[in-house]
């Protein structure tokens, strides 16, 4: 066996296992504090809240979003809809809600980009706290009352919520549904205990308005503005908390092509954000955050190298075997039934691969348990979840090549 390949396998296995075991131990240790059940109910001191929604060609989706806003159980609130130069009827749908004085519409004739539109809304927002929300998402009625108590310290700059899927129907959507429940909700809660929360998800996050204005809002040149702003919040000395007692439900890509585009944007934006804020890496000034991010980068990069190396070796071996079959006139099925299982014949790579697979299963079962999700409700998605990490490699490889080539990644 190639010694370089073996070293790479053991290194990736060690780092991934360390990461998984640490998260699971932290999850178990903090299991009683995951759901804090805080709620803001002091009507006399209600702060004013603004929610800003950027929308581009969302006429088929924004109606549900606006209906969910009307159901939010909070009185001192305004909703700022920024139409990003849509060429469909998004603006017409939004105008139907302007009879409610809480709704405000900024109707741009030209497409500016999501970050620019959010900044437009922030500039006119009157709220002491400003939430941003995607136009294809639906907020829970208690989302404001549940998140405001987390701003009990002046150092808290933003609060995230649990992100879940809206009506997942396809097999792919049900797999991604589990990913959101475990990775984009539960594990973000765990990372917040270390002050390592590296993203304020676009479907819904709420910020202290003074912090948004201090850091000049969202970066209009970044395609993952919800991640980049999290870095600047940390850089400015503020913390990001997570509240999973309430949630926002968002639409998922409905096919592989749409998922590929979404993840290519996410991961390309992440790479650029890491580079943009590289001075934060291994910097003790930023606590655990300064070390978690480079650990994550190293693990992802080594994982990609291992994936490409394994693919190369696998294809080389396949071609070699096919060549040898010319001695049997390419009779591939001659010894097909002679296969016998003997664990002693399997090498270290196979054993480590199997333990990594078991680790994925452990994450899935433990994650669902502490997310208070019954297994039978997600049984279809559970069948595919262990294999999603193969898709990650494809998305990351495409993203790295895109960044290296300097290719611009589009939203859609």
Protein backbone atom coordinates (compact mmCIF):
# COMPACT_ATOMS: atom_id res chain seq x y z
CA UNK A 1 0.00 0.00 0.00
CA UNK A 2 1.23 3.48 -0.89
CA UNK A 3 2.66 4.95 2.38
CA UNK A 4 1.63 8.51 1.42
CA UNK A 5 -1.93 7.34 0.90
CA UNK A 6 -1.95 5.48 4.22
CA UNK A 7 -0.70 8.55 6.10
CA UNK A 8 -3.42 10.65 4.46
CA UNK A 9 -6.10 8.10 5.35
CA UNK A 10 -5.08 7.92 9.00
CA UNK A 11 -4.76 11.69 9.28
CA UNK A 12 -8.21 12.40 7.85
CA UNK A 13 -9.72 9.60 9.91
CA UNK A 14 -8.16 10.96 13.12
CA UNK A 15 -9.25 14.57 12.52
CA UNK A 16 -12.78 13.57 11.48
CA UNK A 17 -13.17 11.18 14.41
CA UNK A 18 -11.86 13.80 16.84
CA UNK A 19 -14.37 16.31 15.48
CA UNK A 20 -17.33 13.91 15.64
CA UNK A 21 -16.53 12.55 19.10
CA UNK A 22 -15.99 16.06 20.49
CA UNK A 23 -19.33 17.30 19.14
CA UNK A 24 -21.20 14.28 20.47
CA UNK A 25 -19.62 14.63 23.93
CA UNK A 26 -20.46 18.34 23.98
CA UNK A 27 -23.99 17.50 22.89
CA UNK A 28 -24.45 14.99 25.70
CA UNK A 29 -22.85 17.32 28.26
CA UNK A 30 -25.16 20.20 27.25
CA UNK A 31 -28.30 18.16 26.60
CA UNK A 32 -30.20 19.87 29.43
CA UNK A 33 -29.38 23.35 28.13
CA UNK A 34 -30.21 22.90 24.46
CA UNK A 35 -33.77 24.10 24.87
CA UNK A 36 -33.67 27.06 27.24
CA UNK A 37 -37.36 27.96 26.93
CA UNK A 38 -36.76 31.68 27.19
CA UNK A 39 -39.59 33.99 26.16
CA UNK A 40 -39.92 37.78 26.17
CA UNK A 41 -43.26 38.71 27.67
CA UNK A 42 -42.70 42.11 29.30
CA UNK A 43 -45.15 44.20 27.26
CA UNK A 44 -44.01 47.40 28.99
CA UNK A 45 -40.46 47.18 27.65
CA UNK A 46 -41.01 45.67 24.21
CA UNK A 47 -38.24 46.90 21.88
CA UNK A 48 -39.17 47.76 18.31
CA UNK A 49 -38.19 45.08 15.77
CA UNK A 50 -37.71 45.31 12.00
CA UNK A 51 -37.70 42.33 9.65
CA UNK A 52 -36.08 42.84 6.24
CA UNK A 53 -36.86 40.49 3.33
CA UNK A 54 -35.00 40.63 0.02
CA UNK A 55 -36.95 39.09 -2.87
CA UNK A 56 -36.00 38.35 -6.45
CA UNK A 57 -38.51 36.56 -8.72
CA UNK A 58 -40.34 35.01 -5.77
CA UNK A 59 -43.97 35.48 -6.85
CA UNK A 60 -44.70 31.77 -6.30
CA UNK A 61 -43.12 31.68 -2.84
CA UNK A 62 -43.31 35.06 -1.13
CA UNK A 63 -47.06 34.85 -0.41
CA UNK A 64 -46.51 32.15 2.22
CA UNK A 65 -43.64 34.14 3.67
CA UNK A 66 -45.74 37.28 4.08
CA UNK A 67 -48.63 35.31 5.56
CA UNK A 68 -46.26 33.89 8.18
CA UNK A 69 -45.08 37.41 9.05
CA UNK A 70 -48.63 38.51 9.75
CA UNK A 71 -48.94 35.66 12.26
CA UNK A 72 -45.90 36.70 14.29
CA UNK A 73 -46.98 37.25 17.88
CA UNK A 74 -45.34 40.62 18.50
CA UNK A 75 -46.81 44.11 18.41
CA UNK A 76 -43.95 46.56 17.94
CA UNK A 77 -42.77 45.39 14.55
CA UNK A 78 -42.37 46.38 10.90
CA UNK A 79 -41.77 44.33 7.78
CA UNK A 80 -39.57 45.79 5.05
CA UNK A 81 -39.83 44.00 1.71
CA UNK A 82 -37.12 44.87 -0.81
CA UNK A 83 -37.98 43.80 -4.35
CA UNK A 84 -34.67 43.20 -6.10
CA UNK A 85 -35.68 44.22 -9.63
CA UNK A 86 -37.83 41.12 -10.16
CA UNK A 87 -39.17 40.51 -13.66
CA UNK A 88 -42.17 38.54 -12.42
CA UNK A 89 -45.09 39.59 -10.18
CA UNK A 90 -43.20 39.62 -6.87
CA UNK A 91 -43.89 43.33 -6.45
CA UNK A 92 -47.63 42.87 -7.13
CA UNK A 93 -47.89 40.14 -4.48
CA UNK A 94 -46.10 42.34 -1.94
CA UNK A 95 -48.33 45.33 -2.67
CA UNK A 96 -51.39 43.37 -1.56
CA UNK A 97 -50.05 43.58 1.98
CA UNK A 98 -49.41 47.33 2.10
CA UNK A 99 -52.86 47.99 3.58
CA UNK A 100 -51.29 46.67 6.76
CA UNK A 101 -49.23 49.66 7.92
CA UNK A 102 -46.56 47.35 9.31
CA UNK A 103 -45.53 46.46 5.75
CA UNK A 104 -43.16 48.64 3.74
CA UNK A 105 -42.12 47.97 0.13
CA UNK A 106 -38.92 49.14 -1.53
CA UNK A 107 -39.45 48.42 -5.22
CA UNK A 108 -36.14 48.47 -7.09
CA UNK A 109 -36.25 48.61 -10.86
CA UNK A 110 -32.79 47.06 -11.23
CA UNK A 111 -31.28 43.95 -9.70
CA UNK A 112 -28.82 44.90 -6.97
CA UNK A 113 -28.12 41.58 -5.27
CA UNK A 114 -29.35 40.21 -1.97
CA UNK A 115 -26.79 41.87 0.30
CA UNK A 116 -27.37 45.30 -1.26
CA UNK A 117 -31.13 44.94 -0.81
CA UNK A 118 -30.75 43.91 2.81
CA UNK A 119 -28.58 46.97 3.38
CA UNK A 120 -31.29 49.13 1.79
CA UNK A 121 -33.80 47.78 4.28
CA UNK A 122 -31.41 48.18 7.20
CA UNK A 123 -30.90 51.86 6.37
CA UNK A 124 -34.57 52.69 6.84
CA UNK A 125 -35.29 50.15 9.59
CA UNK A 126 -36.49 51.71 12.85
CA UNK A 127 -35.98 48.65 15.00
CA UNK A 128 -33.63 48.30 17.93
CA UNK A 129 -33.25 44.78 16.57
CA UNK A 130 -33.27 43.89 12.88
CA UNK A 131 -34.01 40.44 11.50
CA UNK A 132 -33.26 39.37 7.96
CA UNK A 133 -35.27 36.68 6.23
CA UNK A 134 -35.40 34.86 2.91
CA UNK A 135 -38.47 35.30 0.72
CA UNK A 136 -39.07 31.54 0.49
CA UNK A 137 -39.15 30.93 4.25
CA UNK A 138 -41.85 30.87 6.92
CA UNK A 139 -41.24 32.07 10.49
CA UNK A 140 -42.84 30.59 13.58
CA UNK A 141 -45.29 32.96 15.34
CA UNK A 142 -43.12 33.03 18.49
CA UNK A 143 -39.85 33.69 16.69
CA UNK A 144 -39.35 37.24 18.03
CA UNK A 145 -40.43 36.54 21.60
CA UNK A 146 -38.12 33.52 21.68
CA UNK A 147 -35.01 35.20 20.28
CA UNK A 148 -35.03 38.59 22.01
CA UNK A 149 -34.18 37.17 25.48
CA UNK A 150 -30.83 35.97 24.08
CA UNK A 151 -29.74 39.59 23.77
CA UNK A 152 -29.48 39.80 27.56
CA UNK A 153 -25.80 40.72 27.24
CA UNK A 154 -24.57 43.75 25.32
CA UNK A 155 -21.89 41.49 23.78
CA UNK A 156 -24.52 39.48 21.90
CA UNK A 157 -24.57 40.77 18.33
CA UNK A 158 -26.84 38.21 16.64
CA UNK A 159 -29.08 35.23 17.32
CA UNK A 160 -29.87 32.35 14.98
CA UNK A 161 -32.80 29.92 15.07
CA UNK A 162 -33.46 26.34 14.06
CA UNK A 163 -33.71 25.97 10.27
CA UNK A 164 -35.98 23.22 8.98
CA UNK A 165 -37.33 22.18 5.60
CA UNK A 166 -40.74 23.15 4.24
CA UNK A 167 -42.65 20.09 3.08
CA UNK A 168 -39.74 17.92 1.86
CA UNK A 169 -41.16 15.45 -0.67
CA UNK A 170 -38.41 14.01 -2.87
CA UNK A 171 -35.85 11.51 -1.58
CA UNK A 172 -33.09 14.12 -1.96
CA UNK A 173 -35.09 16.74 -0.04
CA UNK A 174 -35.71 14.31 2.82
CA UNK A 175 -31.99 13.69 3.11
CA UNK A 176 -31.25 17.44 3.14
CA UNK A 177 -34.04 17.85 5.69
CA UNK A 178 -32.00 15.72 8.11
CA UNK A 179 -28.88 17.69 7.28
CA UNK A 180 -30.65 20.92 8.24
CA UNK A 181 -32.05 19.48 11.48
CA UNK A 182 -28.68 18.15 12.60
CA UNK A 183 -26.11 20.42 10.98
CA UNK A 184 -27.83 23.76 10.44
CA UNK A 185 -29.71 23.77 13.74
CA UNK A 186 -28.53 21.42 16.49
CA UNK A 187 -24.80 21.59 15.82
CA UNK A 188 -24.90 25.37 15.39
CA UNK A 189 -26.36 25.46 18.90
CA UNK A 190 -23.38 23.44 20.13
CA UNK A 191 -20.89 25.70 18.35
CA UNK A 192 -22.49 28.72 20.02
CA UNK A 193 -21.50 27.29 23.42
CA UNK A 194 -17.86 27.79 22.32
CA UNK A 195 -18.60 31.11 20.62
CA UNK A 196 -17.70 29.43 17.32
CA UNK A 197 -20.90 30.07 15.38
CA UNK A 198 -19.60 30.94 11.90
CA UNK A 199 -22.83 31.73 10.04
CA UNK A 200 -26.10 33.58 10.61
CA UNK A 201 -28.36 31.58 8.26
CA UNK A 202 -30.23 33.54 5.61
CA UNK A 203 -33.68 31.97 6.20
CA UNK A 204 -33.86 33.92 9.47
CA UNK A 205 -31.37 35.58 11.82
CA UNK A 206 -31.82 38.58 14.08
CA UNK A 207 -29.19 41.22 14.87
CA UNK A 208 -28.69 44.10 17.26
CA UNK A 209 -29.19 47.08 14.95
CA UNK A 210 -26.31 49.03 16.48
CA UNK A 211 -23.97 46.16 15.59
CA UNK A 212 -25.20 46.00 11.99
CA UNK A 213 -24.59 49.71 11.57
CA UNK A 214 -21.23 49.57 13.32
CA UNK A 215 -19.94 46.96 10.87
CA UNK A 216 -21.63 48.63 7.85
CA UNK A 217 -24.17 45.91 7.20
CA UNK A 218 -23.67 43.07 4.76
CA UNK A 219 -20.77 42.73 2.35
CA UNK A 220 -22.29 43.38 -1.08
CA UNK A 221 -19.39 41.69 -2.88
CA UNK A 222 -19.69 38.38 -1.03
CA UNK A 223 -21.97 35.61 -2.37
CA UNK A 224 -22.40 34.13 1.12
CA UNK A 225 -23.22 37.32 2.97
CA UNK A 226 -24.74 35.41 5.90
CA UNK A 227 -21.40 33.72 6.60
CA UNK A 228 -19.16 36.70 5.96
CA UNK A 229 -21.10 38.93 8.35
CA UNK A 230 -20.64 36.36 11.11
CA UNK A 231 -16.86 36.75 10.78
CA UNK A 232 -17.09 40.53 11.11
CA UNK A 233 -19.39 40.21 14.12
CA UNK A 234 -16.73 38.10 15.84
CA UNK A 235 -13.99 40.44 14.64
CA UNK A 236 -15.82 43.38 16.23
CA UNK A 237 -15.86 41.63 19.60
CA UNK A 238 -19.48 40.45 19.61
CA UNK A 239 -20.93 36.97 20.05
CA UNK A 240 -23.54 34.99 18.14
CA UNK A 241 -26.04 32.85 20.05
CA UNK A 242 -28.39 30.14 18.84
CA UNK A 243 -32.02 29.59 19.87
CA UNK A 244 -33.50 26.25 18.79
CA UNK A 245 -36.73 26.72 20.77
CA UNK A 246 -38.19 28.36 17.67
CA UNK A 247 -37.68 27.83 13.99
CA UNK A 248 -37.95 29.01 10.43
CA UNK A 249 -38.99 26.65 7.65
CA UNK A 250 -37.44 27.10 4.22
CA UNK A 251 -37.77 25.55 0.78
CA UNK A 252 -35.13 23.08 -0.39
CA UNK A 253 -33.65 22.46 -3.86
CA UNK A 254 -35.85 19.89 -5.56
CA UNK A 255 -33.24 18.16 -7.72
CA UNK A 256 -29.51 17.47 -7.83
CA UNK A 257 -28.78 20.29 -10.29
CA UNK A 258 -30.38 22.88 -8.00
CA UNK A 259 -28.60 21.45 -4.96
CA UNK A 260 -25.29 21.52 -6.82
CA UNK A 261 -25.72 25.20 -7.66
CA UNK A 262 -26.68 26.04 -4.10
CA UNK A 263 -23.73 24.22 -2.54
CA UNK A 264 -21.27 25.51 -5.10
CA UNK A 265 -22.29 29.01 -4.10
CA UNK A 266 -22.15 28.19 -0.39
CA UNK A 267 -18.76 26.51 -0.50
CA UNK A 268 -17.14 28.92 -2.97
CA UNK A 269 -18.32 31.77 -0.77
CA UNK A 270 -16.95 30.02 2.30
CA UNK A 271 -13.50 29.63 0.72
CA UNK A 272 -13.44 33.31 -0.25
CA UNK A 273 -14.63 34.33 3.22
CA UNK A 274 -11.89 32.28 4.88
CA UNK A 275 -9.32 34.02 2.69
CA UNK A 276 -10.92 37.44 3.16
CA UNK A 277 -10.61 37.12 6.95
CA UNK A 278 -7.43 35.02 7.03
CA UNK A 279 -5.94 37.22 9.77
CA UNK A 280 -8.46 35.66 12.17
CA UNK A 281 -7.09 32.16 11.63
CA UNK A 282 -4.97 30.80 14.51
CA UNK A 283 -5.42 34.15 16.24
CA UNK A 284 -5.89 33.78 20.00
CA UNK A 285 -7.65 37.13 20.10
CA UNK A 286 -10.75 35.41 18.72
CA UNK A 287 -10.74 32.50 21.15
CA UNK A 288 -11.91 29.11 19.95
CA UNK A 289 -13.30 30.69 16.79
CA UNK A 290 -9.77 31.49 15.60
CA UNK A 291 -8.86 27.80 15.81
CA UNK A 292 -12.11 26.07 14.89
CA UNK A 293 -12.22 27.69 11.45
CA UNK A 294 -8.71 26.60 10.35
CA UNK A 295 -9.34 23.13 11.80
CA UNK A 296 -12.45 22.97 9.63
CA UNK A 297 -10.54 24.19 6.56
CA UNK A 298 -7.75 21.65 7.07
CA UNK A 299 -10.20 18.78 7.55
CA UNK A 300 -12.20 19.72 4.45
CA UNK A 301 -9.11 20.20 2.29
CA UNK A 302 -7.47 16.95 3.38
CA UNK A 303 -10.78 15.18 2.84
CA UNK A 304 -10.90 16.49 -0.73
CA UNK A 305 -7.31 15.38 -1.40
CA UNK A 306 -8.13 11.93 -0.02
CA UNK A 307 -11.28 11.75 -2.13
CA UNK A 308 -9.41 12.65 -5.33
CA UNK A 309 -6.51 10.34 -4.50
CA UNK A 310 -8.88 7.46 -3.71
CA UNK A 311 -10.79 8.07 -6.93
CA UNK A 312 -7.56 8.00 -8.92
CA UNK A 313 -6.35 4.79 -7.28
CA UNK A 314 -9.77 3.18 -7.66
CA UNK A 315 -9.99 3.99 -11.37
CA UNK A 316 -6.41 2.82 -11.92
CA UNK A 317 -7.17 -0.48 -10.22
CA UNK A 318 -10.39 -0.89 -12.21
CA UNK A 319 -8.59 -0.31 -15.52
CA UNK A 320 -5.85 -2.74 -14.48
CA UNK A 321 -8.40 -5.44 -13.59
CA UNK A 322 -10.28 -4.93 -16.83
CA UNK A 323 -7.00 -5.35 -18.71
CA UNK A 324 -6.29 -8.67 -16.95
CA UNK A 325 -9.71 -9.95 -17.91
CA UNK A 326 -8.61 -10.09 -21.54
CA UNK A 327 -7.00 -13.37 -20.60
CA UNK A 328 -10.52 -14.77 -19.97
CA UNK A 329 -12.04 -13.12 -23.03
CA UNK A 330 -13.57 -10.55 -20.68
CA UNK A 331 -15.69 -13.09 -18.83
CA UNK A 332 -16.42 -10.84 -15.83
CA UNK A 333 -18.79 -13.31 -14.16
CA UNK A 334 -16.54 -16.36 -14.14
CA UNK A 335 -15.60 -16.03 -10.44
CA UNK A 336 -18.49 -13.87 -9.39
CA UNK A 337 -19.98 -16.48 -7.03
CA UNK A 338 -16.63 -17.43 -5.49
CA UNK A 339 -16.53 -14.37 -3.21
CA UNK A 340 -16.23 -15.11 0.51
CA UNK A 341 -16.24 -12.68 3.39
CA UNK A 342 -13.24 -12.87 5.73
CA UNK A 343 -12.63 -9.87 7.96
CA UNK A 344 -8.96 -10.83 8.35
CA UNK A 345 -8.39 -10.20 4.64
CA UNK A 346 -9.42 -6.56 4.93
CA UNK A 347 -6.77 -3.91 5.52
CA UNK A 348 -6.66 -0.85 7.73
CA UNK A 349 -8.23 1.41 5.12
CA UNK A 350 -11.34 -0.74 4.93
CA UNK A 351 -11.64 -0.87 8.71
CA UNK A 352 -11.26 2.90 9.05
CA UNK A 353 -13.80 3.47 6.29
CA UNK A 354 -16.26 1.25 8.10
CA UNK A 355 -15.75 3.06 11.42
CA UNK A 356 -16.24 6.40 9.64
CA UNK A 357 -19.53 5.07 8.29
CA UNK A 358 -20.55 4.03 11.80
CA UNK A 359 -19.62 7.53 13.01
CA UNK A 360 -22.00 9.04 10.48
CA UNK A 361 -24.78 6.76 11.71
CA UNK A 362 -23.99 7.76 15.29
CA UNK A 363 -24.26 11.46 14.41
CA UNK A 364 -27.59 10.82 12.73
CA UNK A 365 -29.17 8.85 15.58
CA UNK A 366 -27.82 11.00 18.41
CA UNK A 367 -28.61 14.21 16.51
CA UNK A 368 -32.22 13.24 15.89
CA UNK A 369 -32.64 12.11 19.49
CA UNK A 370 -31.55 15.44 20.93
CA UNK A 371 -33.35 17.41 18.24
CA UNK A 372 -36.49 15.74 19.59
CA UNK A 373 -37.33 14.15 16.26
CA UNK A 374 -38.84 10.67 16.17
CA UNK A 375 -36.91 8.30 13.93
CA UNK A 376 -39.98 6.96 12.16
CA UNK A 377 -40.86 10.47 10.97
CA UNK A 378 -37.56 10.68 9.06
CA UNK A 379 -37.01 7.03 8.10
CA UNK A 380 -36.81 7.71 4.35
CA UNK A 381 -34.22 10.45 4.75
CA UNK A 382 -32.25 8.29 7.18
CA UNK A 383 -31.65 5.75 4.41
CA UNK A 384 -29.70 8.28 2.36
CA UNK A 385 -28.17 10.52 5.03
CA UNK A 386 -25.01 8.40 5.59
CA UNK A 387 -24.08 8.86 1.93
CA UNK A 388 -24.49 12.64 1.78
CA UNK A 389 -20.83 13.08 2.66
CA UNK A 390 -19.90 11.70 -0.77
CA UNK A 391 -21.91 14.55 -2.29
CA UNK A 392 -20.04 17.02 -0.08
CA UNK A 393 -16.77 15.98 -1.73
CA UNK A 394 -18.17 16.63 -5.20
CA UNK A 395 -19.48 20.06 -4.16
CA UNK A 396 -16.23 21.05 -2.45
CA UNK A 397 -14.06 19.92 -5.38
CA UNK A 398 -16.21 21.94 -7.80
CA UNK A 399 -16.04 24.96 -5.47
CA UNK A 400 -12.26 24.83 -5.08
CA UNK A 401 -11.77 24.61 -8.84
CA UNK A 402 -14.21 27.49 -9.34
CA UNK A 403 -12.31 29.72 -6.89
CA UNK A 404 -8.90 28.75 -8.29
CA UNK A 405 -10.05 29.54 -11.84
CA UNK A 406 -11.51 32.85 -10.66
CA UNK A 407 -14.89 31.91 -12.07
CA UNK A 408 -17.80 33.99 -10.84
CA UNK A 409 -20.45 31.92 -9.06
CA UNK A 410 -24.02 33.03 -9.66
CA UNK A 411 -26.97 32.82 -7.28
CA UNK A 412 -29.14 30.83 -9.68
